[in-house]
Amino acid sequence: MVQFLAYAGIAGLVVSVAIGIIGAVMAIRPWPAYVARCHAQGEQPGFVWSNRYIDSIADEKKRKSVKRGIVLHGIGLAGLILFFPFVLLSGIAS
């Protein structure tokens, strides 16, 4: 049973990290153009998850991709929080 928890925890961590990285890449891809535009206009850029950043993206398809990326990144972080205790418990129990 302990080995099952260890393998499930490790597999969950790997999948969560992969999903988090994919989501972050999707969310951050249009970020440099947004920051350059804000600096050119003399404004302070917002965070990646801010509505100012999302609303500044003109293309609806890219806007949906950024929102999807933010959600995927959040799912990856939640998966890390969920599966990390399994790895700790299996290490303690063995």
PDB file of N, CA and C in Angstrom:
ATOM      1  N   MET A   1       0.816  -1.202   0.000  1.00  0.00           N
ATOM      2  CA  MET A   1       0.000   0.000   0.000  1.00  0.00           C
ATOM      3  C   MET A   1       0.859   1.266   0.000  1.00  0.00           C
ATOM      4  N   VAL A   2       1.967   1.188   0.744  1.00  0.00           N
ATOM      5  CA  VAL A   2       2.846   2.351   0.815  1.00  0.00           C
ATOM      6  C   VAL A   2       3.481   2.630  -0.536  1.00  0.00           C
ATOM      7  N   GLN A   3       3.864   1.575  -1.241  1.00  0.00           N
ATOM      8  CA  GLN A   3       4.466   1.771  -2.549  1.00  0.00           C
ATOM      9  C   GLN A   3       3.465   2.383  -3.519  1.00  0.00           C
ATOM     10  N   PHE A   4       2.208   1.967  -3.407  1.00  0.00           N
ATOM     11  CA  PHE A   4       1.174   2.525  -4.271  1.00  0.00           C
ATOM     12  C   PHE A   4       1.034   4.029  -4.034  1.00  0.00           C
ATOM     13  N   LEU A   5       1.034   4.438  -2.749  1.00  0.00           N
ATOM     14  CA  LEU A   5       0.943   5.871  -2.436  1.00  0.00           C
ATOM     15  C   LEU A   5       2.164   6.626  -2.958  1.00  0.00           C
ATOM     16  N   ALA A   6       3.320   6.003  -2.834  1.00  0.00           N
ATOM     17  CA  ALA A   6       4.533   6.670  -3.326  1.00  0.00           C
ATOM     18  C   ALA A   6       4.479   6.852  -4.828  1.00  0.00           C
ATOM     19  N   TYR A   7       4.125   5.799  -5.553  1.00  0.00           N
ATOM     20  CA  TYR A   7       4.079   5.903  -7.009  1.00  0.00           C
ATOM     21  C   TYR A   7       2.961   6.835  -7.471  1.00  0.00           C
ATOM     22  N   ALA A   8       1.816   6.785  -6.804  1.00  0.00           N
ATOM     23  CA  ALA A   8       0.721   7.698  -7.160  1.00  0.00           C
ATOM     24  C   ALA A   8       1.113   9.142  -6.883  1.00  0.00           C
ATOM     25  N   GLY A   9       1.798   9.375  -5.767  1.00  0.00           N
ATOM     26  CA  GLY A   9       2.236  10.734  -5.446  1.00  0.00           C
ATOM     27  C   GLY A   9       3.263  11.253  -6.422  1.00  0.00           C
ATOM     28  N   ILE A  10       4.226  10.411  -6.773  1.00  0.00           N
ATOM     29  CA  ILE A  10       5.253  10.841  -7.724  1.00  0.00           C
ATOM     30  C   ILE A  10       4.646  11.084  -9.099  1.00  0.00           C
ATOM     31  N   ALA A  11       3.780  10.186  -9.543  1.00  0.00           N
ATOM     32  CA  ALA A  11       3.131  10.372 -10.848  1.00  0.00           C
ATOM     33  C   ALA A  11       2.264  11.634 -10.839  1.00  0.00           C
ATOM     34  N   GLY A  12       1.542  11.854  -9.750  1.00  0.00           N
ATOM     35  CA  GLY A  12       0.723  13.059  -9.644  1.00  0.00           C
ATOM     36  C   GLY A  12       1.549  14.328  -9.652  1.00  0.00           C
ATOM     37  N   LEU A  13       2.704  14.292  -8.973  1.00  0.00           N
ATOM     38  CA  LEU A  13       3.583  15.459  -8.979  1.00  0.00           C
ATOM     39  C   LEU A  13       4.114  15.752 -10.377  1.00  0.00           C
ATOM     40  N   VAL A  14       4.516  14.704 -11.079  1.00  0.00           N
ATOM     41  CA  VAL A  14       5.062  14.895 -12.427  1.00  0.00           C
ATOM     42  C   VAL A  14       4.000  15.474 -13.360  1.00  0.00           C
ATOM     43  N   VAL A  15       2.806  14.915 -13.310  1.00  0.00           N
ATOM     44  CA  VAL A  15       1.721  15.407 -14.171  1.00  0.00           C
ATOM     45  C   VAL A  15       1.347  16.841 -13.793  1.00  0.00           C
ATOM     46  N   SER A  16       1.297  17.127 -12.497  1.00  0.00           N
ATOM     47  CA  SER A  16       0.946  18.478 -12.054  1.00  0.00           C
ATOM     48  C   SER A  16       1.977  19.500 -12.498  1.00  0.00           C
ATOM     49  N   VAL A  17       3.251  19.153 -12.390  1.00  0.00           N
ATOM     50  CA  VAL A  17       4.300  20.076 -12.829  1.00  0.00           C
ATOM     51  C   VAL A  17       4.201  20.310 -14.333  1.00  0.00           C
ATOM     52  N   ALA A  18       3.955  19.244 -15.087  1.00  0.00           N
ATOM     53  CA  ALA A  18       3.833  19.391 -16.548  1.00  0.00           C
ATOM     54  C   ALA A  18       2.645  20.279 -16.916  1.00  0.00           C
ATOM     55  N   ILE A  19       1.507  20.058 -16.274  1.00  0.00           N
ATOM     56  CA  ILE A  19       0.322  20.878 -16.552  1.00  0.00           C
ATOM     57  C   ILE A  19       0.572  22.327 -16.146  1.00  0.00           C
ATOM     58  N   GLY A  20       1.227  22.539 -15.010  1.00  0.00           N
ATOM     59  CA  GLY A  20       1.528  23.896 -14.561  1.00  0.00           C
ATOM     60  C   GLY A  20       2.456  24.631 -15.508  1.00  0.00           C
ATOM     61  N   ILE A  21       3.469  23.929 -16.023  1.00  0.00           N
ATOM     62  CA  ILE A  21       4.407  24.560 -16.956  1.00  0.00           C
ATOM     63  C   ILE A  21       3.713  24.892 -18.277  1.00  0.00           C
ATOM     64  N   ILE A  22       2.910  23.973 -18.774  1.00  0.00           N
ATOM     65  CA  ILE A  22       2.173  24.228 -20.021  1.00  0.00           C
ATOM     66  C   ILE A  22       1.240  25.422 -19.847  1.00  0.00           C
ATOM     67  N   GLY A  23       0.535  25.473 -18.718  1.00  0.00           N
ATOM     68  CA  GLY A  23      -0.362  26.598 -18.458  1.00  0.00           C
ATOM     69  C   GLY A  23       0.374  27.916 -18.343  1.00  0.00           C
ATOM     70  N   ALA A  24       1.528  27.905 -17.675  1.00  0.00           N
ATOM     71  CA  ALA A  24       2.299  29.143 -17.534  1.00  0.00           C
ATOM     72  C   ALA A  24       2.799  29.634 -18.888  1.00  0.00           C
ATOM     73  N   VAL A  25       3.234  28.719 -19.725  1.00  0.00           N
ATOM     74  CA  VAL A  25       3.706  29.118 -21.058  1.00  0.00           C
ATOM     75  C   VAL A  25       2.558  29.708 -21.873  1.00  0.00           C
ATOM     76  N   MET A  26       1.379  29.094 -21.775  1.00  0.00           N
ATOM     77  CA  MET A  26       0.225  29.622 -22.513  1.00  0.00           C
ATOM     78  C   MET A  26      -0.151  31.020 -22.020  1.00  0.00           C
ATOM     79  N   ALA A  27      -0.059  31.237 -20.708  1.00  0.00           N
ATOM     80  CA  ALA A  27      -0.478  32.514 -20.141  1.00  0.00           C
ATOM     81  C   ALA A  27       0.540  33.618 -20.379  1.00  0.00           C
ATOM     82  N   ILE A  28       1.820  33.263 -20.404  1.00  0.00           N
ATOM     83  CA  ILE A  28       2.870  34.277 -20.452  1.00  0.00           C
ATOM     84  C   ILE A  28       3.311  34.595 -21.883  1.00  0.00           C
ATOM     85  N   ARG A  29       2.919  33.807 -22.849  1.00  0.00           N
ATOM     86  CA  ARG A  29       3.391  34.018 -24.225  1.00  0.00           C
ATOM     87  C   ARG A  29       3.173  35.451 -24.716  1.00  0.00           C
ATOM     88  N   PRO A  30       1.993  36.084 -24.571  1.00  0.00           N
ATOM     89  CA  PRO A  30       1.838  37.469 -25.061  1.00  0.00           C
ATOM     90  C   PRO A  30       2.333  38.528 -24.074  1.00  0.00           C
ATOM     91  N   TRP A  31       2.907  38.128 -22.943  1.00  0.00           N
ATOM     92  CA  TRP A  31       3.299  39.063 -21.893  1.00  0.00           C
ATOM     93  C   TRP A  31       4.351  40.085 -22.333  1.00  0.00           C
ATOM     94  N   PRO A  32       5.455  39.715 -23.030  1.00  0.00           N
ATOM     95  CA  PRO A  32       6.473  40.724 -23.384  1.00  0.00           C
ATOM     96  C   PRO A  32       5.938  41.862 -24.249  1.00  0.00           C
ATOM     97  N   ALA A  33       5.047  41.564 -25.172  1.00  0.00           N
ATOM     98  CA  ALA A  33       4.474  42.628 -26.005  1.00  0.00           C
ATOM     99  C   ALA A  33       3.620  43.566 -25.154  1.00  0.00           C
ATOM    100  N   TYR A  34       2.915  43.026 -24.187  1.00  0.00           N
ATOM    101  CA  TYR A  34       2.081  43.839 -23.298  1.00  0.00           C
ATOM    102  C   TYR A  34       2.950  44.762 -22.442  1.00  0.00           C
ATOM    103  N   VAL A  35       4.036  44.219 -21.892  1.00  0.00           N
ATOM    104  CA  VAL A  35       4.933  45.031 -21.057  1.00  0.00           C
ATOM    105  C   VAL A  35       5.581  46.132 -21.891  1.00  0.00           C
ATOM    106  N   ALA A  36       6.016  45.813 -23.091  1.00  0.00           N
ATOM    107  CA  ALA A  36       6.624  46.829 -23.963  1.00  0.00           C
ATOM    108  C   ALA A  36       5.622  47.931 -24.298  1.00  0.00           C
ATOM    109  N   ARG A  37       4.385  47.558 -24.571  1.00  0.00           N
ATOM    110  CA  ARG A  37       3.351  48.549 -24.885  1.00  0.00           C
ATOM    111  C   ARG A  37       3.075  49.447 -23.673  1.00  0.00           C
ATOM    112  N   CYS A  38       3.037  48.859 -22.473  1.00  0.00           N
ATOM    113  CA  CYS A  38       2.797  49.655 -21.264  1.00  0.00           C
ATOM    114  C   CYS A  38       3.940  50.622 -20.994  1.00  0.00           C
ATOM    115  N   HIS A  39       5.172  50.165 -21.177  1.00  0.00           N
ATOM    116  CA  HIS A  39       6.307  51.052 -20.954  1.00  0.00           C
ATOM    117  C   HIS A  39       6.348  52.173 -21.990  1.00  0.00           C
ATOM    118  N   ALA A  40       5.956  51.876 -23.210  1.00  0.00           N
ATOM    119  CA  ALA A  40       5.933  52.909 -24.246  1.00  0.00           C
ATOM    120  C   ALA A  40       4.886  53.973 -23.934  1.00  0.00           C
ATOM    121  N   GLN A  41       3.779  53.566 -23.313  1.00  0.00           N
ATOM    122  CA  GLN A  41       2.720  54.508 -22.957  1.00  0.00           C
ATOM    123  C   GLN A  41       2.930  55.119 -21.571  1.00  0.00           C
ATOM    124  N   GLY A  42       3.967  54.683 -20.865  1.00  0.00           N
ATOM    125  CA  GLY A  42       4.252  55.235 -19.540  1.00  0.00           C
ATOM    126  C   GLY A  42       3.360  54.682 -18.451  1.00  0.00           C
ATOM    127  N   GLU A  43       2.815  53.491 -18.636  1.00  0.00           N
ATOM    128  CA  GLU A  43       1.936  52.873 -17.646  1.00  0.00           C
ATOM    129  C   GLU A  43       2.673  51.747 -16.932  1.00  0.00           C
ATOM    130  N   GLN A  44       2.147  51.389 -15.785  1.00  0.00           N
ATOM    131  CA  GLN A  44       2.674  50.249 -15.039  1.00  0.00           C
ATOM    132  C   GLN A  44       1.924  48.992 -15.508  1.00  0.00           C
ATOM    133  N   PRO A  45       2.646  47.948 -15.949  1.00  0.00           N
ATOM    134  CA  PRO A  45       1.953  46.735 -16.412  1.00  0.00           C
ATOM    135  C   PRO A  45       1.291  45.992 -15.252  1.00  0.00           C
ATOM    136  N   GLY A  46       0.162  45.349 -15.538  1.00  0.00           N
ATOM    137  CA  GLY A  46      -0.533  44.554 -14.536  1.00  0.00           C
ATOM    138  C   GLY A  46       0.036  43.153 -14.462  1.00  0.00           C
ATOM    139  N   PHE A  47      -0.445  42.397 -13.496  1.00  0.00           N
ATOM    140  CA  PHE A  47      -0.007  41.011 -13.355  1.00  0.00           C
ATOM    141  C   PHE A  47      -0.593  40.154 -14.473  1.00  0.00           C
ATOM    142  N   VAL A  48      -0.046  38.942 -14.627  1.00  0.00           N
ATOM    143  CA  VAL A  48      -0.515  38.042 -15.683  1.00  0.00           C
ATOM    144  C   VAL A  48      -1.994  37.720 -15.496  1.00  0.00           C
ATOM    145  N   TRP A  49      -2.437  37.563 -14.267  1.00  0.00           N
ATOM    146  CA  TRP A  49      -3.825  37.175 -14.025  1.00  0.00           C
ATOM    147  C   TRP A  49      -4.763  38.375 -13.893  1.00  0.00           C
ATOM    148  N   SER A  50      -4.251  39.588 -14.135  1.00  0.00           N
ATOM    149  CA  SER A  50      -5.099  40.775 -13.990  1.00  0.00           C
ATOM    150  C   SER A  50      -5.988  40.971 -15.212  1.00  0.00           C
ATOM    151  N   ASN A  51      -7.109  41.609 -14.995  1.00  0.00           N
ATOM    152  CA  ASN A  51      -8.036  41.881 -16.098  1.00  0.00           C
ATOM    153  C   ASN A  51      -7.437  42.879 -17.087  1.00  0.00           C
ATOM    154  N   ARG A  52      -6.584  43.781 -16.618  1.00  0.00           N
ATOM    155  CA  ARG A  52      -5.961  44.742 -17.530  1.00  0.00           C
ATOM    156  C   ARG A  52      -5.128  44.031 -18.574  1.00  0.00           C
ATOM    157  N   TYR A  53      -4.382  43.021 -18.143  1.00  0.00           N
ATOM    158  CA  TYR A  53      -3.556  42.259 -19.088  1.00  0.00           C
ATOM    159  C   TYR A  53      -4.433  41.463 -20.049  1.00  0.00           C
ATOM    160  N   ILE A  54      -5.433  40.787 -19.515  1.00  0.00           N
ATOM    161  CA  ILE A  54      -6.301  39.949 -20.359  1.00  0.00           C
ATOM    162  C   ILE A  54      -7.093  40.807 -21.330  1.00  0.00           C
ATOM    163  N   ASP A  55      -7.595  41.946 -20.873  1.00  0.00           N
ATOM    164  CA  ASP A  55      -8.381  42.819 -21.750  1.00  0.00           C
ATOM    165  C   ASP A  55      -7.542  43.521 -22.808  1.00  0.00           C
ATOM    166  N   SER A  56      -6.229  43.623 -22.580  1.00  0.00           N
ATOM    167  CA  SER A  56      -5.381  44.307 -23.561  1.00  0.00           C
ATOM    168  C   SER A  56      -5.090  43.435 -24.778  1.00  0.00           C
ATOM    169  N   ILE A  57      -5.395  42.155 -24.703  1.00  0.00           N
ATOM    170  CA  ILE A  57      -5.153  41.254 -25.833  1.00  0.00           C
ATOM    171  C   ILE A  57      -6.305  41.417 -26.813  1.00  0.00           C
ATOM    172  N   ALA A  58      -5.992  41.834 -28.013  1.00  0.00           N
ATOM    173  CA  ALA A  58      -7.025  42.175 -28.997  1.00  0.00           C
ATOM    174  C   ALA A  58      -7.695  40.925 -29.585  1.00  0.00           C
ATOM    175  N   ASP A  59      -6.918  39.912 -29.875  1.00  0.00           N
ATOM    176  CA  ASP A  59      -7.447  38.716 -30.526  1.00  0.00           C
ATOM    177  C   ASP A  59      -8.191  37.845 -29.513  1.00  0.00           C
ATOM    178  N   GLU A  60      -9.442  37.546 -29.814  1.00  0.00           N
ATOM    179  CA  GLU A  60     -10.276  36.765 -28.897  1.00  0.00           C
ATOM    180  C   GLU A  60      -9.716  35.365 -28.680  1.00  0.00           C
ATOM    181  N   LYS A  61      -9.151  34.778 -29.724  1.00  0.00           N
ATOM    182  CA  LYS A  61      -8.584  33.431 -29.603  1.00  0.00           C
ATOM    183  C   LYS A  61      -7.394  33.422 -28.646  1.00  0.00           C
ATOM    184  N   LYS A  62      -6.538  34.445 -28.743  1.00  0.00           N
ATOM    185  CA  LYS A  62      -5.397  34.540 -27.837  1.00  0.00           C
ATOM    186  C   LYS A  62      -5.856  34.824 -26.412  1.00  0.00           C
ATOM    187  N   ARG A  63      -6.903  35.623 -26.269  1.00  0.00           N
ATOM    188  CA  ARG A  63      -7.429  35.938 -24.940  1.00  0.00           C
ATOM    189  C   ARG A  63      -7.946  34.680 -24.258  1.00  0.00           C
ATOM    190  N   LYS A  64      -8.665  33.846 -25.004  1.00  0.00           N
ATOM    191  CA  LYS A  64      -9.150  32.588 -24.437  1.00  0.00           C
ATOM    192  C   LYS A  64      -7.990  31.659 -24.098  1.00  0.00           C
ATOM    193  N   SER A  65      -6.958  31.680 -24.927  1.00  0.00           N
ATOM    194  CA  SER A  65      -5.781  30.846 -24.664  1.00  0.00           C
ATOM    195  C   SER A  65      -5.082  31.288 -23.379  1.00  0.00           C
ATOM    196  N   VAL A  66      -4.994  32.594 -23.152  1.00  0.00           N
ATOM    197  CA  VAL A  66      -4.378  33.093 -21.923  1.00  0.00           C
ATOM    198  C   VAL A  66      -5.215  32.700 -20.713  1.00  0.00           C
ATOM    199  N   LYS A  67      -6.521  32.844 -20.804  1.00  0.00           N
ATOM    200  CA  LYS A  67      -7.384  32.448 -19.690  1.00  0.00           C
ATOM    201  C   LYS A  67      -7.258  30.954 -19.413  1.00  0.00           C
ATOM    202  N   ARG A  68      -7.211  30.158 -20.467  1.00  0.00           N
ATOM    203  CA  ARG A  68      -7.053  28.711 -20.317  1.00  0.00           C
ATOM    204  C   ARG A  68      -5.702  28.382 -19.678  1.00  0.00           C
ATOM    205  N   GLY A  69      -4.665  29.122 -20.067  1.00  0.00           N
ATOM    206  CA  GLY A  69      -3.345  28.916 -19.489  1.00  0.00           C
ATOM    207  C   GLY A  69      -3.303  29.242 -18.008  1.00  0.00           C
ATOM    208  N   ILE A  70      -3.978  30.315 -17.615  1.00  0.00           N
ATOM    209  CA  ILE A  70      -4.035  30.672 -16.200  1.00  0.00           C
ATOM    210  C   ILE A  70      -4.754  29.591 -15.407  1.00  0.00           C
ATOM    211  N   VAL A  71      -5.832  29.068 -15.946  1.00  0.00           N
ATOM    212  CA  VAL A  71      -6.570  27.985 -15.274  1.00  0.00           C
ATOM    213  C   VAL A  71      -5.715  26.723 -15.185  1.00  0.00           C
ATOM    214  N   LEU A  72      -5.031  26.366 -16.266  1.00  0.00           N
ATOM    215  CA  LEU A  72      -4.169  25.182 -16.241  1.00  0.00           C
ATOM    216  C   LEU A  72      -3.036  25.340 -15.235  1.00  0.00           C
ATOM    217  N   HIS A  73      -2.473  26.517 -15.150  1.00  0.00           N
ATOM    218  CA  HIS A  73      -1.415  26.750 -14.175  1.00  0.00           C
ATOM    219  C   HIS A  73      -1.955  26.585 -12.753  1.00  0.00           C
ATOM    220  N   GLY A  74      -3.148  27.086 -12.512  1.00  0.00           N
ATOM    221  CA  GLY A  74      -3.780  26.910 -11.199  1.00  0.00           C
ATOM    222  C   GLY A  74      -4.062  25.455 -10.891  1.00  0.00           C
ATOM    223  N   ILE A  75      -4.500  24.698 -11.895  1.00  0.00           N
ATOM    224  CA  ILE A  75      -4.739  23.267 -11.698  1.00  0.00           C
ATOM    225  C   ILE A  75      -3.431  22.556 -11.375  1.00  0.00           C
ATOM    226  N   GLY A  76      -2.358  22.949 -12.047  1.00  0.00           N
ATOM    227  CA  GLY A  76      -1.053  22.353 -11.748  1.00  0.00           C
ATOM    228  C   GLY A  76      -0.602  22.639 -10.324  1.00  0.00           C
ATOM    229  N   LEU A  77      -0.799  23.858  -9.861  1.00  0.00           N
ATOM    230  CA  LEU A  77      -0.439  24.190  -8.482  1.00  0.00           C
ATOM    231  C   LEU A  77      -1.305  23.433  -7.486  1.00  0.00           C
ATOM    232  N   ALA A  78      -2.595  23.312  -7.778  1.00  0.00           N
ATOM    233  CA  ALA A  78      -3.474  22.550  -6.891  1.00  0.00           C
ATOM    234  C   ALA A  78      -3.064  21.083  -6.853  1.00  0.00           C
ATOM    235  N   GLY A  79      -2.653  20.541  -7.993  1.00  0.00           N
ATOM    236  CA  GLY A  79      -2.188  19.157  -8.025  1.00  0.00           C
ATOM    237  C   GLY A  79      -0.928  18.957  -7.210  1.00  0.00           C
ATOM    238  N   LEU A  80      -0.029  19.936  -7.244  1.00  0.00           N
ATOM    239  CA  LEU A  80       1.168  19.846  -6.406  1.00  0.00           C
ATOM    240  C   LEU A  80       0.799  19.795  -4.934  1.00  0.00           C
ATOM    241  N   ILE A  81      -0.126  20.645  -4.541  1.00  0.00           N
ATOM    242  CA  ILE A  81      -0.559  20.671  -3.138  1.00  0.00           C
ATOM    243  C   ILE A  81      -1.251  19.366  -2.769  1.00  0.00           C
ATOM    244  N   LEU A  82      -1.985  18.792  -3.698  1.00  0.00           N
ATOM    245  CA  LEU A  82      -2.731  17.566  -3.425  1.00  0.00           C
ATOM    246  C   LEU A  82      -1.823  16.340  -3.346  1.00  0.00           C
ATOM    247  N   PHE A  83      -0.864  16.203  -4.259  1.00  0.00           N
ATOM    248  CA  PHE A  83      -0.072  14.982  -4.341  1.00  0.00           C
ATOM    249  C   PHE A  83       1.191  14.987  -3.495  1.00  0.00           C
ATOM    250  N   PHE A  84       1.691  16.162  -3.101  1.00  0.00           N
ATOM    251  CA  PHE A  84       2.916  16.201  -2.314  1.00  0.00           C
ATOM    252  C   PHE A  84       2.780  15.463  -0.982  1.00  0.00           C
ATOM    253  N   PRO A  85       1.656  15.574  -0.265  1.00  0.00           N
ATOM    254  CA  PRO A  85       1.532  14.805   0.984  1.00  0.00           C
ATOM    255  C   PRO A  85       1.603  13.289   0.791  1.00  0.00           C
ATOM    256  N   PHE A  86       1.164  12.787  -0.355  1.00  0.00           N
ATOM    257  CA  PHE A  86       1.281  11.343  -0.609  1.00  0.00           C
ATOM    258  C   PHE A  86       2.734  10.903  -0.622  1.00  0.00           C
ATOM    259  N   VAL A  87       3.577  11.717  -1.234  1.00  0.00           N
ATOM    260  CA  VAL A  87       5.006  11.390  -1.270  1.00  0.00           C
ATOM    261  C   VAL A  87       5.589  11.461   0.139  1.00  0.00           C
ATOM    262  N   LEU A  88       5.208  12.480   0.906  1.00  0.00           N
ATOM    263  CA  LEU A  88       5.696  12.583   2.273  1.00  0.00           C
ATOM    264  C   LEU A  88       5.211  11.422   3.143  1.00  0.00           C
ATOM    265  N   LEU A  89       3.931  11.087   3.031  1.00  0.00           N
ATOM    266  CA  LEU A  89       3.381   9.984   3.830  1.00  0.00           C
ATOM    267  C   LEU A  89       4.031   8.655   3.486  1.00  0.00           C
ATOM    268  N   SER A  90       4.271   8.428   2.210  1.00  0.00           N
ATOM    269  CA  SER A  90       4.903   7.174   1.833  1.00  0.00           C
ATOM    270  C   SER A  90       6.346   7.113   2.302  1.00  0.00           C
ATOM    271  N   GLY A  91       7.012   8.258   2.336  1.00  0.00           N
ATOM    272  CA  GLY A  91       8.379   8.276   2.868  1.00  0.00           C
ATOM    273  C   GLY A  91       8.420   8.044   4.366  1.00  0.00           C
ATOM    274  N   ILE A  92       7.448   8.587   5.095  1.00  0.00           N
ATOM    275  CA  ILE A  92       7.385   8.399   6.532  1.00  0.00           C
ATOM    276  C   ILE A  92       6.991   6.967   6.884  1.00  0.00           C
ATOM    277  N   ALA A  93       6.075   6.403   6.114  1.00  0.00           N
ATOM    278  CA  ALA A  93       5.560   5.073   6.413  1.00  0.00           C
ATOM    279  C   ALA A  93       6.527   3.951   6.051  1.00  0.00           C
ATOM    280  N   SER A  94       7.471   4.226   5.177  1.00  0.00           N
ATOM    281  CA  SER A  94       8.371   3.131   4.764  1.00  0.00           C
ATOM    282  C   SER A  94       9.546   2.950   5.700  1.00  0.00           C
TER     283      SER A  94
END
